[in-house]
Amino acid sequence: MISFIYFILFIIFLYKWYFNATSKARKRLPPSPAKLPVIGNLFQLGLRPHRSLKELSERYGPLMMLHLGSVPALIVSSADAVREIVKNQDLIFSSRPKLSVMHRIVYGSKDIAFARYGDHWRQVRSIGVLQLLSNKRVQSYRHIREEETSLMIEKIRNSSSSSMSEVNLSNLLVSLTNGIISRVVLGRKYDGGEESENFELMLKEIGELLVTFNPGDYVPWLNWINRVSGFDARLEKVAKSFDEFLTRVVEEHRSRKQGNTDRDGSSDEVDFVDILLEIQRENSSSYPIETDTIKALIFDMFGAGTDTTYTALEWTMAELLRHPKIMEKLQNEVRSVAGSKLEVTEEDLEKNKMPYLKAVIKESLRLHPPFPLLLPRELTQDTTLMGYEVAAGTRVMINAWAIGRDPILWENPEEFHPERFLDSEIDFKGFNFEFIPFGVGRRGCPGITFAIGVDELALAKLMHKFNFATQKDLDMTEAPGHSVHVKFPLLVNPIPHLASN
């Protein structure tokens, strides 16, 4: 009897083996490294997945299939594959997977970044592009950028009493971007005091949750681990706190509109919350916008706006500190354009007056895109990509970091060489698939103009006002996370440039 049972099991094994083999033979699937039971290829990601995936793609090819637990994931490390996706199949590659942390934080993914493709996403994307982040709107906040960057310069000047004074530039860049985003989005700065501290702690906690491994996102039946580990409780607590904060912000703006409260340090300018509330009133019958959607969009502006802007500036300064001759060349350009002016303004950046500054920022973004792995997409139907068959429901991860360092596309790709962008038409707006630090296609970042406006002005003012040095060799180690920062803060010795003070 036992022998008969073993025989039946052997027949079943042969049948399944034959069925899987013939099924795979009929399909041309992307190459895939060997996987482990249950966890699949998760063990191969490491703390810095963009680097691990680049190494794997060098062995298995620029289109590679991984199994992240029970989630099939297509890893794209090729500009040609990105071109094929965007030009011919962008529609079916434009949805998002459900990621538990952000799904909870942004009210069931009602924002722009994480919403699934559909009518809601098209509506909020349109609001973002046409109402909040249009060129005209970005220009209307020019004075805020100039005031906040000048304030940063003043802080550095006050901190650099001698040539040996050391300044934490990373903290100042975070403060700069938070100040600009707060004023533009909320109409006021959260700068000092208990409210400011609580706000910063909430953002920090969300950031930590995002980089905490969540087994339930990859193996659904392991969701219980999140309850036992306290992950779910942490997420619920910070989501509730952030919702209470955003609710207060929205209600304060509604009350001010009705003239019921003082502005409490806010300016009289129209900010993003005012614009969203006006859109809500105007669209109350045709396509109503829920208050939760408004709060989700406010979060997007902070989450995407502060992180990408500050990260790009920090890496740019880190590279300049490592390459003093490049910094000197940039300082000479900025100081030549500024002339005898005491302050650099955005007028000095117009009409390509500072091409080397723009090249420096581009080269930094090529080597250090703020999100090395672009936000994941989810395929909505079966398709064929570059001869490989890929099934609906597959998670798609584009490795912008690997593409930016592809030796086929870039000469000496590991070198920081801004001159490669001089007299070059290559830009980061999504039309050059070898250079996509802000994403590409329908799901590309709508805030490029806003982020670059801050980065260019801040960098120009830093180069205009100071000469920089460090007391020790700069550590360029990356901090783990979805957005990749310099692991250790930039401690610099700023020496005022007398001619500009």
Foldseek 3Di string as FASTA:
>chain_A
DVVVVVVVVVVVVVVVVVVVVVVCVVFFAQAEDAADPQQWCLVQCPLPNLVSVLVVCVVRHQWYWTAGRPFIETEHQALVLVCCCFVPPVVLFPFADDDPLLCLQLVNQQAQQHHGDDDSNVVRVCCCQPPQADPVNLVVLQVVLQVLLVVLVVVLVVQQPDLPGKDQVLVSLLQSQQQSLCCQALQAHLDDDDVSVVVVVLVVLSQVLQSDDQSCVRRVVPNVVCVVVVVVVSSVVSSVVLVVVLVVSLVLLVCVVVPNDDPVRGDPDQHNSNRVVVVQVVCVDPDHDDPSSSSSHSVVSVVVRSQQLSQLLQLLVLVCQVPVVLLVVQLVQLCVLCPQALADGVVSPPPPSRVLLVLSSQLSCLQAQQQQWRRKTFRQAWDAGPRGTDGGGHIYIYRSNSLSQPCVVDPPSVDSDSVVPVVHPDDQPAPRSSRDSQHHHPSGDSNPVNSVSSSSRSVSRLSNFWDKHDPDDDQQDWRRGSGIHRPDGDIIRTDTDVSND
